């Protein structure tokens, strides 16, 4: 699964590393906040810091941003731990078409087996300074994305396993149709 990731994925993951530890609210937005943001559903609605910490094997803090700038990021409680950022896109054409639309080269993304997913892909990039992992998972017109980053000294196997565990949890919690 080692391949040169797309510049956009690398930039997004590096942005996560730099901004993921910045301030933000913790916890899940209330129904009123979601309604005010005109968001019917978010992958963060079903995730907590405790759940993600269990999945990735290390304690994390949840960062949900604000109504005007929502985010779904889990940063390490311990210095040097991995950070995970989750996003999503409703796209009826499937994962390959979504990746093409985003300008992603499918050849750089290796298929991974995630129970219940219609399709899943991942890319891992290691450098002296850290490890970057990007995973995509598709269910019923929903494409969810996990970006993970850990700086040196990093544990590549743990970050890959944590990313795959998060992808599997996203599949388990995914709605079966687009919320209205």
C-alpha atoms as a PDB file:
ATOM      1  CA  UNK A   1       0.000   0.000   0.000  1.00  0.00           C
ATOM      2  CA  UNK A   2       2.948   2.328  -0.259  1.00  0.00           C
ATOM      3  CA  UNK A   3       2.486   4.811  -3.062  1.00  0.00           C
ATOM      4  CA  UNK A   4       3.031   8.476  -3.610  1.00  0.00           C
ATOM      5  CA  UNK A   5      -0.198  10.032  -2.389  1.00  0.00           C
ATOM      6  CA  UNK A   6      -1.853  12.762  -4.316  1.00  0.00           C
ATOM      7  CA  UNK A   7      -0.661  16.243  -3.572  1.00  0.00           C
ATOM      8  CA  UNK A   8      -4.135  17.176  -2.394  1.00  0.00           C
ATOM      9  CA  UNK A   9      -4.314  14.309   0.080  1.00  0.00           C
ATOM     10  CA  UNK A  10      -0.869  15.114   1.405  1.00  0.00           C
ATOM     11  CA  UNK A  11      -1.730  18.783   1.752  1.00  0.00           C
ATOM     12  CA  UNK A  12      -5.001  17.972   3.496  1.00  0.00           C
ATOM     13  CA  UNK A  13      -3.298  15.595   5.883  1.00  0.00           C
ATOM     14  CA  UNK A  14      -0.503  18.053   6.612  1.00  0.00           C
ATOM     15  CA  UNK A  15      -3.140  20.717   7.256  1.00  0.00           C
ATOM     16  CA  UNK A  16      -4.709  18.294   9.729  1.00  0.00           C
ATOM     17  CA  UNK A  17      -1.388  17.898  11.492  1.00  0.00           C
ATOM     18  CA  UNK A  18      -0.949  21.639  11.783  1.00  0.00           C
ATOM     19  CA  UNK A  19      -4.530  22.651  12.550  1.00  0.00           C
ATOM     20  CA  UNK A  20      -5.919  19.565  14.267  1.00  0.00           C
ATOM     21  CA  UNK A  21      -4.541  20.666  17.608  1.00  0.00           C
ATOM     22  CA  UNK A  22      -6.081  24.122  17.397  1.00  0.00           C
ATOM     23  CA  UNK A  23      -9.085  25.099  19.432  1.00  0.00           C
ATOM     24  CA  UNK A  24     -12.589  23.903  18.758  1.00  0.00           C
ATOM     25  CA  UNK A  25     -15.568  22.697  20.628  1.00  0.00           C
ATOM     26  CA  UNK A  26     -15.728  19.168  21.895  1.00  0.00           C
ATOM     27  CA  UNK A  27     -18.701  16.870  21.855  1.00  0.00           C
ATOM     28  CA  UNK A  28     -21.439  16.306  19.335  1.00  0.00           C
ATOM     29  CA  UNK A  29     -23.422  19.298  18.114  1.00  0.00           C
ATOM     30  CA  UNK A  30     -26.945  19.537  19.485  1.00  0.00           C
ATOM     31  CA  UNK A  31     -29.932  19.033  17.193  1.00  0.00           C
ATOM     32  CA  UNK A  32     -30.430  22.807  17.187  1.00  0.00           C
ATOM     33  CA  UNK A  33     -26.819  23.409  16.167  1.00  0.00           C
ATOM     34  CA  UNK A  34     -27.067  20.859  13.354  1.00  0.00           C
ATOM     35  CA  UNK A  35     -30.310  22.418  12.162  1.00  0.00           C
ATOM     36  CA  UNK A  36     -28.766  25.881  12.305  1.00  0.00           C
ATOM     37  CA  UNK A  37     -25.849  24.680  10.232  1.00  0.00           C
ATOM     38  CA  UNK A  38     -28.310  23.013   7.834  1.00  0.00           C
ATOM     39  CA  UNK A  39     -26.552  19.704   8.377  1.00  0.00           C
ATOM     40  CA  UNK A  40     -28.867  16.714   8.488  1.00  0.00           C
ATOM     41  CA  UNK A  41     -26.135  14.233   9.317  1.00  0.00           C
ATOM     42  CA  UNK A  42     -22.398  14.073   9.941  1.00  0.00           C
ATOM     43  CA  UNK A  43     -20.071  11.125  10.589  1.00  0.00           C
ATOM     44  CA  UNK A  44     -19.184  12.781  13.897  1.00  0.00           C
ATOM     45  CA  UNK A  45     -22.803  12.429  15.066  1.00  0.00           C
ATOM     46  CA  UNK A  46     -22.138   8.796  15.992  1.00  0.00           C
ATOM     47  CA  UNK A  47     -18.528   9.079  17.122  1.00  0.00           C
ATOM     48  CA  UNK A  48     -17.127  10.063  20.496  1.00  0.00           C
ATOM     49  CA  UNK A  49     -13.580  10.553  21.702  1.00  0.00           C
ATOM     50  CA  UNK A  50     -13.972   7.407  23.809  1.00  0.00           C
ATOM     51  CA  UNK A  51     -15.126   5.298  20.842  1.00  0.00           C
ATOM     52  CA  UNK A  52     -12.401   6.592  18.535  1.00  0.00           C
ATOM     53  CA  UNK A  53      -9.767   6.178  21.260  1.00  0.00           C
ATOM     54  CA  UNK A  54     -10.797   2.547  21.669  1.00  0.00           C
ATOM     55  CA  UNK A  55     -10.705   1.987  17.889  1.00  0.00           C
ATOM     56  CA  UNK A  56      -7.276   3.567  17.375  1.00  0.00           C
ATOM     57  CA  UNK A  57      -5.741   2.298  20.608  1.00  0.00           C
ATOM     58  CA  UNK A  58      -4.903   5.656  22.191  1.00  0.00           C
ATOM     59  CA  UNK A  59      -6.848   8.412  23.961  1.00  0.00           C
ATOM     60  CA  UNK A  60      -8.008  11.262  21.720  1.00  0.00           C
ATOM     61  CA  UNK A  61      -9.861  14.546  22.024  1.00  0.00           C
ATOM     62  CA  UNK A  62     -12.741  15.328  19.692  1.00  0.00           C
ATOM     63  CA  UNK A  63     -12.801  18.616  17.808  1.00  0.00           C
ATOM     64  CA  UNK A  64     -16.071  19.469  16.084  1.00  0.00           C
ATOM     65  CA  UNK A  65     -15.336  23.081  15.187  1.00  0.00           C
ATOM     66  CA  UNK A  66     -18.251  25.492  15.075  1.00  0.00           C
ATOM     67  CA  UNK A  67     -21.563  25.839  13.301  1.00  0.00           C
ATOM     68  CA  UNK A  68     -19.971  27.941  10.574  1.00  0.00           C
ATOM     69  CA  UNK A  69     -16.780  25.862  10.343  1.00  0.00           C
ATOM     70  CA  UNK A  70     -17.644  22.262  11.253  1.00  0.00           C
ATOM     71  CA  UNK A  71     -14.925  19.661  11.528  1.00  0.00           C
ATOM     72  CA  UNK A  72     -14.673  16.062  12.646  1.00  0.00           C
ATOM     73  CA  UNK A  73     -11.166  15.658  14.009  1.00  0.00           C
ATOM     74  CA  UNK A  74      -9.710  13.502  16.750  1.00  0.00           C
ATOM     75  CA  UNK A  75      -6.369  14.689  18.097  1.00  0.00           C
ATOM     76  CA  UNK A  76      -4.075  12.723  20.397  1.00  0.00           C
ATOM     77  CA  UNK A  77      -4.184  13.391  24.105  1.00  0.00           C
ATOM     78  CA  UNK A  78      -0.551  12.323  24.352  1.00  0.00           C
ATOM     79  CA  UNK A  79       2.197  14.223  22.573  1.00  0.00           C
ATOM     80  CA  UNK A  80       3.322  12.386  19.440  1.00  0.00           C
ATOM     81  CA  UNK A  81       0.135  10.365  18.967  1.00  0.00           C
ATOM     82  CA  UNK A  82      -1.757  10.073  15.702  1.00  0.00           C
ATOM     83  CA  UNK A  83      -4.472  12.528  14.653  1.00  0.00           C
ATOM     84  CA  UNK A  84      -7.504  11.514  12.575  1.00  0.00           C
ATOM     85  CA  UNK A  85      -9.755  13.731  10.455  1.00  0.00           C
ATOM     86  CA  UNK A  86     -13.028  12.509   8.942  1.00  0.00           C
ATOM     87  CA  UNK A  87     -15.024  13.990   6.093  1.00  0.00           C
ATOM     88  CA  UNK A  88     -17.738  12.821   3.732  1.00  0.00           C
ATOM     89  CA  UNK A  89     -19.370  13.408   0.369  1.00  0.00           C
ATOM     90  CA  UNK A  90     -22.741  12.239  -0.933  1.00  0.00           C
ATOM     91  CA  UNK A  91     -21.965  10.957  -4.410  1.00  0.00           C
ATOM     92  CA  UNK A  92     -24.304   8.585  -6.240  1.00  0.00           C
ATOM     93  CA  UNK A  93     -21.698   7.601  -8.857  1.00  0.00           C
ATOM     94  CA  UNK A  94     -19.643   5.420  -6.516  1.00  0.00           C
ATOM     95  CA  UNK A  95     -16.161   5.697  -5.061  1.00  0.00           C
ATOM     96  CA  UNK A  96     -14.209   5.504  -8.321  1.00  0.00           C
ATOM     97  CA  UNK A  97     -16.286   8.285  -9.899  1.00  0.00           C
ATOM     98  CA  UNK A  98     -15.998  10.384  -6.733  1.00  0.00           C
ATOM     99  CA  UNK A  99     -12.222   9.978  -6.753  1.00  0.00           C
ATOM    100  CA  UNK A 100     -12.108  10.941 -10.446  1.00  0.00           C
ATOM    101  CA  UNK A 101     -14.230  14.024  -9.719  1.00  0.00           C
ATOM    102  CA  UNK A 102     -11.848  15.012  -6.896  1.00  0.00           C
ATOM    103  CA  UNK A 103      -8.889  14.523  -9.244  1.00  0.00           C
ATOM    104  CA  UNK A 104      -7.594  11.516  -7.331  1.00  0.00           C
ATOM    105  CA  UNK A 105      -5.705   8.857  -9.224  1.00  0.00           C
ATOM    106  CA  UNK A 106      -7.272   5.542  -8.335  1.00  0.00           C
ATOM    107  CA  UNK A 107      -4.018   3.749  -9.171  1.00  0.00           C
ATOM    108  CA  UNK A 108      -2.397   5.326  -6.117  1.00  0.00           C
ATOM    109  CA  UNK A 109      -5.082   3.963  -3.820  1.00  0.00           C
ATOM    110  CA  UNK A 110      -4.982   0.279  -2.909  1.00  0.00           C
ATOM    111  CA  UNK A 111      -8.220  -1.642  -2.329  1.00  0.00           C
ATOM    112  CA  UNK A 112      -8.810  -2.654   1.291  1.00  0.00           C
ATOM    113  CA  UNK A 113     -11.378  -5.045   2.698  1.00  0.00           C
ATOM    114  CA  UNK A 114     -13.841  -3.298   5.023  1.00  0.00           C
ATOM    115  CA  UNK A 115     -16.887  -5.371   6.034  1.00  0.00           C
ATOM    116  CA  UNK A 116     -20.125  -3.880   4.732  1.00  0.00           C
ATOM    117  CA  UNK A 117     -18.434  -1.391   2.400  1.00  0.00           C
ATOM    118  CA  UNK A 118     -19.306  -1.338  -1.273  1.00  0.00           C
ATOM    119  CA  UNK A 119     -15.773  -0.109  -1.955  1.00  0.00           C
ATOM    120  CA  UNK A 120     -12.755   0.969   0.086  1.00  0.00           C
ATOM    121  CA  UNK A 121      -9.331   2.319  -0.843  1.00  0.00           C
ATOM    122  CA  UNK A 122      -6.271   3.424   1.100  1.00  0.00           C
ATOM    123  CA  UNK A 123      -2.857   4.979   0.525  1.00  0.00           C
ATOM    124  CA  UNK A 124       0.042   5.069   2.994  1.00  0.00           C
ATOM    125  CA  UNK A 125       3.017   7.380   2.698  1.00  0.00           C
ATOM    126  CA  UNK A 126       5.950   7.213   5.049  1.00  0.00           C
ATOM    127  CA  UNK A 127       8.652   9.842   5.290  1.00  0.00           C
ATOM    128  CA  UNK A 128      11.384  10.572   7.777  1.00  0.00           C
ATOM    129  CA  UNK A 129       9.140  13.188   9.371  1.00  0.00           C
ATOM    130  CA  UNK A 130       6.030  11.020   9.749  1.00  0.00           C
ATOM    131  CA  UNK A 131       3.389   8.774   8.272  1.00  0.00           C
ATOM    132  CA  UNK A 132       0.333   9.905   6.296  1.00  0.00           C
ATOM    133  CA  UNK A 133      -2.621   7.587   5.708  1.00  0.00           C
ATOM    134  CA  UNK A 134      -5.716   8.354   3.660  1.00  0.00           C
ATOM    135  CA  UNK A 135      -8.662   5.976   3.381  1.00  0.00           C
ATOM    136  CA  UNK A 136     -11.940   6.187   1.497  1.00  0.00           C
ATOM    137  CA  UNK A 137     -14.978   3.998   2.123  1.00  0.00           C
ATOM    138  CA  UNK A 138     -18.276   3.915   0.203  1.00  0.00           C
ATOM    139  CA  UNK A 139     -21.769   2.817   1.261  1.00  0.00           C
ATOM    140  CA  UNK A 140     -25.101   3.644  -0.425  1.00  0.00           C
ATOM    141  CA  UNK A 141     -23.973   6.804  -2.234  1.00  0.00           C
ATOM    142  CA  UNK A 142     -21.952   8.023   0.742  1.00  0.00           C
ATOM    143  CA  UNK A 143     -18.179   8.351   0.422  1.00  0.00           C
ATOM    144  CA  UNK A 144     -16.401   8.882   3.746  1.00  0.00           C
ATOM    145  CA  UNK A 145     -12.747   9.769   4.125  1.00  0.00           C
ATOM    146  CA  UNK A 146     -10.281   9.301   6.974  1.00  0.00           C
ATOM    147  CA  UNK A 147      -6.975  11.189   6.955  1.00  0.00           C
ATOM    148  CA  UNK A 148      -4.442  10.219   9.590  1.00  0.00           C
ATOM    149  CA  UNK A 149      -1.040  11.618  10.443  1.00  0.00           C
ATOM    150  CA  UNK A 150       1.611  10.853  13.026  1.00  0.00           C
ATOM    151  CA  UNK A 151       5.000  12.514  13.244  1.00  0.00           C
ATOM    152  CA  UNK A 152       8.285  10.782  14.031  1.00  0.00           C
ATOM    153  CA  UNK A 153       8.620   8.555  15.905  1.00  0.00           C
ATOM    154  CA  UNK A 154       5.572   6.988  14.324  1.00  0.00           C
ATOM    155  CA  UNK A 155       3.990   3.555  14.372  1.00  0.00           C
ATOM    156  CA  UNK A 156       2.903   2.920  10.778  1.00  0.00           C
ATOM    157  CA  UNK A 157       1.104  -0.339  11.573  1.00  0.00           C
ATOM    158  CA  UNK A 158      -0.894   1.278  14.381  1.00  0.00           C
ATOM    159  CA  UNK A 159      -1.906   4.278  12.239  1.00  0.00           C
ATOM    160  CA  UNK A 160      -2.968   2.014   9.355  1.00  0.00           C
ATOM    161  CA  UNK A 161      -4.909  -0.267  11.730  1.00  0.00           C
ATOM    162  CA  UNK A 162      -6.538   2.757  13.412  1.00  0.00           C
ATOM    163  CA  UNK A 163      -7.553   4.193  10.042  1.00  0.00           C
ATOM    164  CA  UNK A 164      -9.056   0.876   8.950  1.00  0.00           C
ATOM    165  CA  UNK A 165     -10.893   0.520  12.272  1.00  0.00           C
ATOM    166  CA  UNK A 166     -12.353   4.017  11.838  1.00  0.00           C
ATOM    167  CA  UNK A 167     -13.371   3.193   8.265  1.00  0.00           C
ATOM    168  CA  UNK A 168     -15.153   0.067   9.513  1.00  0.00           C
ATOM    169  CA  UNK A 169     -16.944   2.074  12.231  1.00  0.00           C
ATOM    170  CA  UNK A 170     -18.029   4.656   9.655  1.00  0.00           C
ATOM    171  CA  UNK A 171     -19.538   1.851   7.561  1.00  0.00           C
ATOM    172  CA  UNK A 172     -21.381   0.454  10.609  1.00  0.00           C
ATOM    173  CA  UNK A 173     -22.857   3.862  11.437  1.00  0.00           C
ATOM    174  CA  UNK A 174     -23.548   5.062   7.902  1.00  0.00           C
ATOM    175  CA  UNK A 175     -27.141   5.899   7.044  1.00  0.00           C
ATOM    176  CA  UNK A 176     -28.735   3.689   4.410  1.00  0.00           C
ATOM    177  CA  UNK A 177     -29.933   6.735   2.467  1.00  0.00           C
ATOM    178  CA  UNK A 178     -29.155  10.428   2.342  1.00  0.00           C
ATOM    179  CA  UNK A 179     -30.803  12.210   5.282  1.00  0.00           C
ATOM    180  CA  UNK A 180     -33.135  15.049   4.345  1.00  0.00           C
END
